[in-house]
Structures are given as structure tokens and as C-alpha cells.
Amino acid sequence: MDDISKQDQPIQMTFPFFLSSLGMQALVALGQIENPITKKKEPDMAQARYMIDIIQMLKDKTKGNVTPEEDRMMEDLLYQLRMVYVEKTK
């Protein structure tokens, strides 16, 4: 291996990885996990709703162009995020 370590190499972007990153951003906005910058759980329900809407838009726009596994991943992610959102906004 050359001088560049694996840490310095860019992460290979896949659709599931992209969905996971959007889901993590939504979880930060929901206050479920700490913000990696502030190290605090800081709910921002407007941002959480925005992230959920983005994932739904991707689901709608990619219909018929994703694998069954990717579609199921989006469905599961949306369900989980929506349940947390509903609980937090009661």
C-alpha cells in the first residue's frame, strides 16, 4: 500500500450509505443522538421534518429505480423517523 492511509481515502458513496447519512442527520435533529460538533443532544423539529421530507422525496423520485432492498431501507427509515417525530411532537 502507498503512503495514503485508508483513513485519507474518500468513502465510496452508495445509495444505502447516502440514506444512512440522511437518517443520521434526522436523528441528530430529533435529538436522539448528540450533535457531533456540539456534543449535545439538541432537538430541532423543523430540521427533523425537513430531513424526513427529503427522504420521502427521494423515495418518490427514485420509485422504480432502486433495488427492493433499497426501497425497503427507505420505508423502514421513514417509518422509524416518523415514529420518533410523532412522539417528540406530542
PDB file of N, CA and C in Angstrom:
ATOM      1  N   MET A   1       0.849  -1.185   0.000  1.00  0.00           N
ATOM      2  CA  MET A   1       0.000   0.000   0.000  1.00  0.00           C
ATOM      3  C   MET A   1       0.890   1.242   0.000  1.00  0.00           C
ATOM      4  N   ASP A   2       0.439   2.298  -0.682  1.00  0.00           N
ATOM      5  CA  ASP A   2       1.257   3.502  -0.755  1.00  0.00           C
ATOM      6  C   ASP A   2       1.137   4.334   0.527  1.00  0.00           C
ATOM      7  N   ASP A   3       1.623   5.564   0.475  1.00  0.00           N
ATOM      8  CA  ASP A   3       1.693   6.421   1.656  1.00  0.00           C
ATOM      9  C   ASP A   3       0.340   6.854   2.212  1.00  0.00           C
ATOM     10  N   ILE A   4      -0.680   6.791   1.392  1.00  0.00           N
ATOM     11  CA  ILE A   4      -2.001   7.255   1.830  1.00  0.00           C
ATOM     12  C   ILE A   4      -2.662   6.154   2.654  1.00  0.00           C
ATOM     13  N   SER A   5      -3.048   6.494   3.863  1.00  0.00           N
ATOM     14  CA  SER A   5      -3.726   5.505   4.699  1.00  0.00           C
ATOM     15  C   SER A   5      -5.177   5.387   4.267  1.00  0.00           C
ATOM     16  N   LYS A   6      -5.822   4.335   4.718  1.00  0.00           N
ATOM     17  CA  LYS A   6      -7.235   4.139   4.386  1.00  0.00           C
ATOM     18  C   LYS A   6      -8.091   5.276   4.922  1.00  0.00           C
ATOM     19  N   GLN A   7      -7.713   5.888   6.019  1.00  0.00           N
ATOM     20  CA  GLN A   7      -8.462   6.998   6.592  1.00  0.00           C
ATOM     21  C   GLN A   7      -8.516   8.191   5.655  1.00  0.00           C
ATOM     22  N   ASP A   8      -7.474   8.395   4.863  1.00  0.00           N
ATOM     23  CA  ASP A   8      -7.392   9.545   3.977  1.00  0.00           C
ATOM     24  C   ASP A   8      -8.140   9.333   2.664  1.00  0.00           C
ATOM     25  N   GLN A   9      -8.545   8.107   2.395  1.00  0.00           N
ATOM     26  CA  GLN A   9      -9.246   7.825   1.151  1.00  0.00           C
ATOM     27  C   GLN A   9     -10.727   8.164   1.319  1.00  0.00           C
ATOM     28  N   PRO A  10     -11.343   8.721   0.276  1.00  0.00           N
ATOM     29  CA  PRO A  10     -12.761   9.063   0.383  1.00  0.00           C
ATOM     30  C   PRO A  10     -13.629   7.813   0.536  1.00  0.00           C
ATOM     31  N   ILE A  11     -14.723   7.984   1.224  1.00  0.00           N
ATOM     32  CA  ILE A  11     -15.674   6.893   1.407  1.00  0.00           C
ATOM     33  C   ILE A  11     -16.385   6.665   0.084  1.00  0.00           C
ATOM     34  N   GLN A  12     -16.528   5.403  -0.290  1.00  0.00           N
ATOM     35  CA  GLN A  12     -17.244   5.096  -1.519  1.00  0.00           C
ATOM     36  C   GLN A  12     -18.734   5.345  -1.290  1.00  0.00           C
ATOM     37  N   MET A  13     -19.308   6.254  -2.054  1.00  0.00           N
ATOM     38  CA  MET A  13     -20.708   6.624  -1.881  1.00  0.00           C
ATOM     39  C   MET A  13     -21.601   5.599  -2.566  1.00  0.00           C
ATOM     40  N   THR A  14     -22.502   5.038  -1.776  1.00  0.00           N
ATOM     41  CA  THR A  14     -23.529   4.149  -2.298  1.00  0.00           C
ATOM     42  C   THR A  14     -24.870   4.732  -1.879  1.00  0.00           C
ATOM     43  N   PHE A  15     -25.932   4.301  -2.519  1.00  0.00           N
ATOM     44  CA  PHE A  15     -27.255   4.818  -2.163  1.00  0.00           C
ATOM     45  C   PHE A  15     -27.604   4.481  -0.710  1.00  0.00           C
ATOM     46  N   PRO A  16     -27.390   3.240  -0.255  1.00  0.00           N
ATOM     47  CA  PRO A  16     -27.670   2.952   1.162  1.00  0.00           C
ATOM     48  C   PRO A  16     -26.841   3.813   2.120  1.00  0.00           C
ATOM     49  N   PHE A  17     -25.573   4.056   1.784  1.00  0.00           N
ATOM     50  CA  PHE A  17     -24.743   4.906   2.635  1.00  0.00           C
ATOM     51  C   PHE A  17     -25.306   6.328   2.665  1.00  0.00           C
ATOM     52  N   PHE A  18     -25.723   6.833   1.514  1.00  0.00           N
ATOM     53  CA  PHE A  18     -26.323   8.159   1.424  1.00  0.00           C
ATOM     54  C   PHE A  18     -27.591   8.231   2.277  1.00  0.00           C
ATOM     55  N   LEU A  19     -28.453   7.219   2.179  1.00  0.00           N
ATOM     56  CA  LEU A  19     -29.671   7.190   3.001  1.00  0.00           C
ATOM     57  C   LEU A  19     -29.331   7.163   4.489  1.00  0.00           C
ATOM     58  N   SER A  20     -28.330   6.385   4.836  1.00  0.00           N
ATOM     59  CA  SER A  20     -27.914   6.314   6.239  1.00  0.00           C
ATOM     60  C   SER A  20     -27.438   7.666   6.744  1.00  0.00           C
ATOM     61  N   SER A  21     -26.716   8.386   5.908  1.00  0.00           N
ATOM     62  CA  SER A  21     -26.228   9.703   6.338  1.00  0.00           C
ATOM     63  C   SER A  21     -27.388  10.677   6.520  1.00  0.00           C
ATOM     64  N   LEU A  22     -28.402  10.604   5.656  1.00  0.00           N
ATOM     65  CA  LEU A  22     -29.588  11.451   5.844  1.00  0.00           C
ATOM     66  C   LEU A  22     -30.333  11.054   7.120  1.00  0.00           C
ATOM     67  N   GLY A  23     -30.416   9.752   7.362  1.00  0.00           N
ATOM     68  CA  GLY A  23     -31.066   9.273   8.575  1.00  0.00           C
ATOM     69  C   GLY A  23     -30.349   9.738   9.832  1.00  0.00           C
ATOM     70  N   MET A  24     -29.017   9.719   9.795  1.00  0.00           N
ATOM     71  CA  MET A  24     -28.241  10.200  10.947  1.00  0.00           C
ATOM     72  C   MET A  24     -28.475  11.685  11.187  1.00  0.00           C
ATOM     73  N   GLN A  25     -28.536  12.457  10.105  1.00  0.00           N
ATOM     74  CA  GLN A  25     -28.825  13.879  10.251  1.00  0.00           C
ATOM     75  C   GLN A  25     -30.202  14.095  10.863  1.00  0.00           C
ATOM     76  N   ALA A  26     -31.161  13.287  10.460  1.00  0.00           N
ATOM     77  CA  ALA A  26     -32.508  13.387  11.029  1.00  0.00           C
ATOM     78  C   ALA A  26     -32.492  13.015  12.512  1.00  0.00           C
ATOM     79  N   LEU A  27     -31.741  11.994  12.883  1.00  0.00           N
ATOM     80  CA  LEU A  27     -31.662  11.599  14.289  1.00  0.00           C
ATOM     81  C   LEU A  27     -31.005  12.676  15.145  1.00  0.00           C
ATOM     82  N   VAL A  28     -30.019  13.362  14.588  1.00  0.00           N
ATOM     83  CA  VAL A  28     -29.416  14.490  15.305  1.00  0.00           C
ATOM     84  C   VAL A  28     -30.470  15.572  15.496  1.00  0.00           C
ATOM     85  N   ALA A  29     -31.211  15.883  14.430  1.00  0.00           N
ATOM     86  CA  ALA A  29     -32.239  16.922  14.506  1.00  0.00           C
ATOM     87  C   ALA A  29     -33.370  16.533  15.468  1.00  0.00           C
ATOM     88  N   LEU A  30     -33.637  15.249  15.582  1.00  0.00           N
ATOM     89  CA  LEU A  30     -34.662  14.779  16.518  1.00  0.00           C
ATOM     90  C   LEU A  30     -34.160  14.749  17.963  1.00  0.00           C
ATOM     91  N   GLY A  31     -32.868  14.967  18.149  1.00  0.00           N
ATOM     92  CA  GLY A  31     -32.299  14.931  19.485  1.00  0.00           C
ATOM     93  C   GLY A  31     -32.096  13.518  20.006  1.00  0.00           C
ATOM     94  N   GLN A  32     -32.101  12.546  19.106  1.00  0.00           N
ATOM     95  CA  GLN A  32     -31.904  11.151  19.501  1.00  0.00           C
ATOM     96  C   GLN A  32     -30.434  10.831  19.716  1.00  0.00           C
ATOM     97  N   ILE A  33     -29.583  11.487  18.949  1.00  0.00           N
ATOM     98  CA  ILE A  33     -28.143  11.319  19.119  1.00  0.00           C
ATOM     99  C   ILE A  33     -27.523  12.705  19.209  1.00  0.00           C
ATOM    100  N   GLU A  34     -26.359  12.763  19.802  1.00  0.00           N
ATOM    101  CA  GLU A  34     -25.747  14.080  20.007  1.00  0.00           C
ATOM    102  C   GLU A  34     -25.196  14.651  18.702  1.00  0.00           C
ATOM    103  N   ASN A  35     -25.225  15.952  18.645  1.00  0.00           N
ATOM    104  CA  ASN A  35     -24.639  16.675  17.531  1.00  0.00           C
ATOM    105  C   ASN A  35     -23.128  16.446  17.581  1.00  0.00           C
ATOM    106  N   PRO A  36     -22.520  15.976  16.502  1.00  0.00           N
ATOM    107  CA  PRO A  36     -21.092  15.676  16.554  1.00  0.00           C
ATOM    108  C   PRO A  36     -20.217  16.913  16.749  1.00  0.00           C
ATOM    109  N   ILE A  37     -20.754  18.085  16.469  1.00  0.00           N
ATOM    110  CA  ILE A  37     -19.975  19.313  16.642  1.00  0.00           C
ATOM    111  C   ILE A  37     -20.074  19.837  18.069  1.00  0.00           C
ATOM    112  N   THR A  38     -21.314  19.920  18.586  1.00  0.00           N
ATOM    113  CA  THR A  38     -21.518  20.489  19.923  1.00  0.00           C
ATOM    114  C   THR A  38     -21.440  19.447  21.027  1.00  0.00           C
ATOM    115  N   LYS A  39     -21.513  18.178  20.659  1.00  0.00           N
ATOM    116  CA  LYS A  39     -21.523  17.060  21.623  1.00  0.00           C
ATOM    117  C   LYS A  39     -22.735  17.131  22.557  1.00  0.00           C
ATOM    118  N   LYS A  40     -23.827  17.742  22.073  1.00  0.00           N
ATOM    119  CA  LYS A  40     -25.060  17.849  22.855  1.00  0.00           C
ATOM    120  C   LYS A  40     -26.225  17.337  22.026  1.00  0.00           C
ATOM    121  N   LYS A  41     -27.248  16.828  22.723  1.00  0.00           N
ATOM    122  CA  LYS A  41     -28.496  16.479  22.058  1.00  0.00           C
ATOM    123  C   LYS A  41     -29.334  17.746  21.975  1.00  0.00           C
ATOM    124  N   GLU A  42     -29.553  18.205  20.757  1.00  0.00           N
ATOM    125  CA  GLU A  42     -30.229  19.477  20.534  1.00  0.00           C
ATOM    126  C   GLU A  42     -31.364  19.299  19.524  1.00  0.00           C
ATOM    127  N   PRO A  43     -32.566  18.975  19.996  1.00  0.00           N
ATOM    128  CA  PRO A  43     -33.672  18.772  19.067  1.00  0.00           C
ATOM    129  C   PRO A  43     -33.990  20.034  18.266  1.00  0.00           C
ATOM    130  N   ASP A  44     -34.226  19.847  16.996  1.00  0.00           N
ATOM    131  CA  ASP A  44     -34.666  20.903  16.087  1.00  0.00           C
ATOM    132  C   ASP A  44     -35.734  20.262  15.210  1.00  0.00           C
ATOM    133  N   MET A  45     -36.987  20.364  15.648  1.00  0.00           N
ATOM    134  CA  MET A  45     -38.061  19.635  14.995  1.00  0.00           C
ATOM    135  C   MET A  45     -38.306  20.110  13.563  1.00  0.00           C
ATOM    136  N   ALA A  46     -38.086  21.374  13.280  1.00  0.00           N
ATOM    137  CA  ALA A  46     -38.246  21.864  11.903  1.00  0.00           C
ATOM    138  C   ALA A  46     -37.209  21.207  10.994  1.00  0.00           C
ATOM    139  N   GLN A  47     -35.979  21.101  11.469  1.00  0.00           N
ATOM    140  CA  GLN A  47     -34.920  20.451  10.692  1.00  0.00           C
ATOM    141  C   GLN A  47     -35.212  18.958  10.544  1.00  0.00           C
ATOM    142  N   ALA A  48     -35.718  18.336  11.605  1.00  0.00           N
ATOM    143  CA  ALA A  48     -36.062  16.914  11.542  1.00  0.00           C
ATOM    144  C   ALA A  48     -37.133  16.676  10.481  1.00  0.00           C
ATOM    145  N   ARG A  49     -38.166  17.505  10.476  1.00  0.00           N
ATOM    146  CA  ARG A  49     -39.245  17.382   9.491  1.00  0.00           C
ATOM    147  C   ARG A  49     -38.687  17.552   8.077  1.00  0.00           C
ATOM    148  N   TYR A  50     -37.792  18.512   7.912  1.00  0.00           N
ATOM    149  CA  TYR A  50     -37.157  18.763   6.618  1.00  0.00           C
ATOM    150  C   TYR A  50     -36.395  17.524   6.139  1.00  0.00           C
ATOM    151  N   MET A  51     -35.630  16.899   7.030  1.00  0.00           N
ATOM    152  CA  MET A  51     -34.866  15.713   6.653  1.00  0.00           C
ATOM    153  C   MET A  51     -35.792  14.548   6.296  1.00  0.00           C
ATOM    154  N   ILE A  52     -36.853  14.379   7.046  1.00  0.00           N
ATOM    155  CA  ILE A  52     -37.828  13.325   6.744  1.00  0.00           C
ATOM    156  C   ILE A  52     -38.457  13.581   5.378  1.00  0.00           C
ATOM    157  N   ASP A  53     -38.797  14.834   5.115  1.00  0.00           N
ATOM    158  CA  ASP A  53     -39.379  15.192   3.817  1.00  0.00           C
ATOM    159  C   ASP A  53     -38.410  14.938   2.669  1.00  0.00           C
ATOM    160  N   ILE A  54     -37.128  15.189   2.887  1.00  0.00           N
ATOM    161  CA  ILE A  54     -36.122  14.918   1.853  1.00  0.00           C
ATOM    162  C   ILE A  54     -36.078  13.425   1.531  1.00  0.00           C
ATOM    163  N   ILE A  55     -36.086  12.588   2.568  1.00  0.00           N
ATOM    164  CA  ILE A  55     -36.047  11.140   2.344  1.00  0.00           C
ATOM    165  C   ILE A  55     -37.302  10.685   1.617  1.00  0.00           C
ATOM    166  N   GLN A  56     -38.465  11.250   1.974  1.00  0.00           N
ATOM    167  CA  GLN A  56     -39.707  10.909   1.272  1.00  0.00           C
ATOM    168  C   GLN A  56     -39.635  11.344  -0.187  1.00  0.00           C
ATOM    169  N   MET A  57     -39.090  12.525  -0.445  1.00  0.00           N
ATOM    170  CA  MET A  57     -38.954  12.998  -1.822  1.00  0.00           C
ATOM    171  C   MET A  57     -38.054  12.054  -2.621  1.00  0.00           C
ATOM    172  N   LEU A  58     -36.941  11.623  -2.016  1.00  0.00           N
ATOM    173  CA  LEU A  58     -36.064  10.669  -2.691  1.00  0.00           C
ATOM    174  C   LEU A  58     -36.793   9.370  -2.996  1.00  0.00           C
ATOM    175  N   LYS A  59     -37.588   8.905  -2.044  1.00  0.00           N
ATOM    176  CA  LYS A  59     -38.360   7.681  -2.257  1.00  0.00           C
ATOM    177  C   LYS A  59     -39.308   7.847  -3.437  1.00  0.00           C
ATOM    178  N   ASP A  60     -40.000   8.981  -3.474  1.00  0.00           N
ATOM    179  CA  ASP A  60     -40.945   9.246  -4.562  1.00  0.00           C
ATOM    180  C   ASP A  60     -40.233   9.361  -5.911  1.00  0.00           C
ATOM    181  N   LYS A  61     -39.130  10.082  -5.942  1.00  0.00           N
ATOM    182  CA  LYS A  61     -38.416  10.350  -7.196  1.00  0.00           C
ATOM    183  C   LYS A  61     -37.628   9.151  -7.718  1.00  0.00           C
ATOM    184  N   THR A  62     -37.282   8.232  -6.840  1.00  0.00           N
ATOM    185  CA  THR A  62     -36.497   7.073  -7.276  1.00  0.00           C
ATOM    186  C   THR A  62     -37.358   5.831  -7.477  1.00  0.00           C
ATOM    187  N   LYS A  63     -38.667   5.974  -7.338  1.00  0.00           N
ATOM    188  CA  LYS A  63     -39.574   4.816  -7.475  1.00  0.00           C
ATOM    189  C   LYS A  63     -39.307   4.105  -8.809  1.00  0.00           C
ATOM    190  N   GLY A  64     -39.093   2.810  -8.723  1.00  0.00           N
ATOM    191  CA  GLY A  64     -38.814   2.008  -9.904  1.00  0.00           C
ATOM    192  C   GLY A  64     -37.348   1.999 -10.324  1.00  0.00           C
ATOM    193  N   ASN A  65     -36.521   2.773  -9.635  1.00  0.00           N
ATOM    194  CA  ASN A  65     -35.106   2.857  -9.993  1.00  0.00           C
ATOM    195  C   ASN A  65     -34.183   2.413  -8.868  1.00  0.00           C
ATOM    196  N   VAL A  66     -34.728   1.769  -7.854  1.00  0.00           N
ATOM    197  CA  VAL A  66     -33.921   1.264  -6.748  1.00  0.00           C
ATOM    198  C   VAL A  66     -34.191  -0.227  -6.590  1.00  0.00           C
ATOM    199  N   THR A  67     -33.280  -0.894  -5.915  1.00  0.00           N
ATOM    200  CA  THR A  67     -33.477  -2.323  -5.665  1.00  0.00           C
ATOM    201  C   THR A  67     -34.557  -2.497  -4.601  1.00  0.00           C
ATOM    202  N   PRO A  68     -35.129  -3.679  -4.515  1.00  0.00           N
ATOM    203  CA  PRO A  68     -36.116  -3.923  -3.454  1.00  0.00           C
ATOM    204  C   PRO A  68     -35.527  -3.670  -2.055  1.00  0.00           C
ATOM    205  N   GLU A  69     -34.251  -3.988  -1.878  1.00  0.00           N
ATOM    206  CA  GLU A  69     -33.600  -3.766  -0.580  1.00  0.00           C
ATOM    207  C   GLU A  69     -33.490  -2.272  -0.274  1.00  0.00           C
ATOM    208  N   GLU A  70     -33.139  -1.477  -1.281  1.00  0.00           N
ATOM    209  CA  GLU A  70     -33.043  -0.027  -1.086  1.00  0.00           C
ATOM    210  C   GLU A  70     -34.413   0.577  -0.797  1.00  0.00           C
ATOM    211  N   ASP A  71     -35.432   0.088  -1.494  1.00  0.00           N
ATOM    212  CA  ASP A  71     -36.788   0.576  -1.250  1.00  0.00           C
ATOM    213  C   ASP A  71     -37.227   0.243   0.168  1.00  0.00           C
ATOM    214  N   ARG A  72     -36.951  -0.980   0.606  1.00  0.00           N
ATOM    215  CA  ARG A  72     -37.305  -1.393   1.965  1.00  0.00           C
ATOM    216  C   ARG A  72     -36.534  -0.566   2.996  1.00  0.00           C
ATOM    217  N   MET A  73     -35.279  -0.263   2.691  1.00  0.00           N
ATOM    218  CA  MET A  73     -34.482   0.563   3.592  1.00  0.00           C
ATOM    219  C   MET A  73     -35.115   1.942   3.760  1.00  0.00           C
ATOM    220  N   MET A  74     -35.568   2.533   2.651  1.00  0.00           N
ATOM    221  CA  MET A  74     -36.224   3.842   2.731  1.00  0.00           C
ATOM    222  C   MET A  74     -37.515   3.758   3.525  1.00  0.00           C
ATOM    223  N   GLU A  75     -38.308   2.718   3.274  1.00  0.00           N
ATOM    224  CA  GLU A  75     -39.562   2.534   4.017  1.00  0.00           C
ATOM    225  C   GLU A  75     -39.304   2.406   5.511  1.00  0.00           C
ATOM    226  N   ASP A  76     -38.358   1.565   5.875  1.00  0.00           N
ATOM    227  CA  ASP A  76     -38.036   1.351   7.289  1.00  0.00           C
ATOM    228  C   ASP A  76     -37.506   2.636   7.934  1.00  0.00           C
ATOM    229  N   LEU A  77     -36.622   3.325   7.236  1.00  0.00           N
ATOM    230  CA  LEU A  77     -36.051   4.564   7.759  1.00  0.00           C
ATOM    231  C   LEU A  77     -37.144   5.607   7.970  1.00  0.00           C
ATOM    232  N   LEU A  78     -38.009   5.771   6.969  1.00  0.00           N
ATOM    233  CA  LEU A  78     -39.102   6.750   7.101  1.00  0.00           C
ATOM    234  C   LEU A  78     -40.024   6.398   8.264  1.00  0.00           C
ATOM    235  N   TYR A  79     -40.363   5.122   8.399  1.00  0.00           N
ATOM    236  CA  TYR A  79     -41.241   4.704   9.494  1.00  0.00           C
ATOM    237  C   TYR A  79     -40.608   5.026  10.846  1.00  0.00           C
ATOM    238  N   GLN A  80     -39.363   4.641  11.018  1.00  0.00           N
ATOM    239  CA  GLN A  80     -38.685   4.870  12.301  1.00  0.00           C
ATOM    240  C   GLN A  80     -38.576   6.360  12.623  1.00  0.00           C
ATOM    241  N   LEU A  81     -38.181   7.148  11.647  1.00  0.00           N
ATOM    242  CA  LEU A  81     -38.032   8.582  11.881  1.00  0.00           C
ATOM    243  C   LEU A  81     -39.377   9.239  12.173  1.00  0.00           C
ATOM    244  N   ARG A  82     -40.401   8.834  11.461  1.00  0.00           N
ATOM    245  CA  ARG A  82     -41.731   9.412  11.692  1.00  0.00           C
ATOM    246  C   ARG A  82     -42.264   9.060  13.075  1.00  0.00           C
ATOM    247  N   MET A  83     -42.009   7.850  13.529  1.00  0.00           N
ATOM    248  CA  MET A  83     -42.479   7.455  14.859  1.00  0.00           C
ATOM    249  C   MET A  83     -41.794   8.293  15.939  1.00  0.00           C
ATOM    250  N   VAL A  84     -40.513   8.524  15.804  1.00  0.00           N
ATOM    251  CA  VAL A  84     -39.792   9.362  16.769  1.00  0.00           C
ATOM    252  C   VAL A  84     -40.313  10.796  16.687  1.00  0.00           C
ATOM    253  N   TYR A  85     -40.516  11.293  15.483  1.00  0.00           N
ATOM    254  CA  TYR A  85     -41.007  12.650  15.283  1.00  0.00           C
ATOM    255  C   TYR A  85     -42.374  12.829  15.957  1.00  0.00           C
ATOM    256  N   VAL A  86     -43.270  11.894  15.732  1.00  0.00           N
ATOM    257  CA  VAL A  86     -44.612  11.966  16.334  1.00  0.00           C
ATOM    258  C   VAL A  86     -44.507  11.955  17.856  1.00  0.00           C
ATOM    259  N   GLU A  87     -43.685  11.082  18.395  1.00  0.00           N
ATOM    260  CA  GLU A  87     -43.511  11.000  19.851  1.00  0.00           C
ATOM    261  C   GLU A  87     -42.958  12.305  20.404  1.00  0.00           C
ATOM    262  N   LYS A  88     -42.000  12.889  19.719  1.00  0.00           N
ATOM    263  CA  LYS A  88     -41.365  14.116  20.216  1.00  0.00           C
ATOM    264  C   LYS A  88     -42.260  15.346  20.077  1.00  0.00           C
ATOM    265  N   THR A  89     -43.229  15.311  19.186  1.00  0.00           N
ATOM    266  CA  THR A  89     -44.075  16.488  18.959  1.00  0.00           C
ATOM    267  C   THR A  89     -45.434  16.379  19.642  1.00  0.00           C
ATOM    268  N   LYS A  90     -45.631  15.366  20.465  1.00  0.00           N
ATOM    269  CA  LYS A  90     -46.904  15.216  21.198  1.00  0.00           C
ATOM    270  C   LYS A  90     -47.052  16.307  22.221  1.00  0.00           C
TER     271      LYS A  90
END
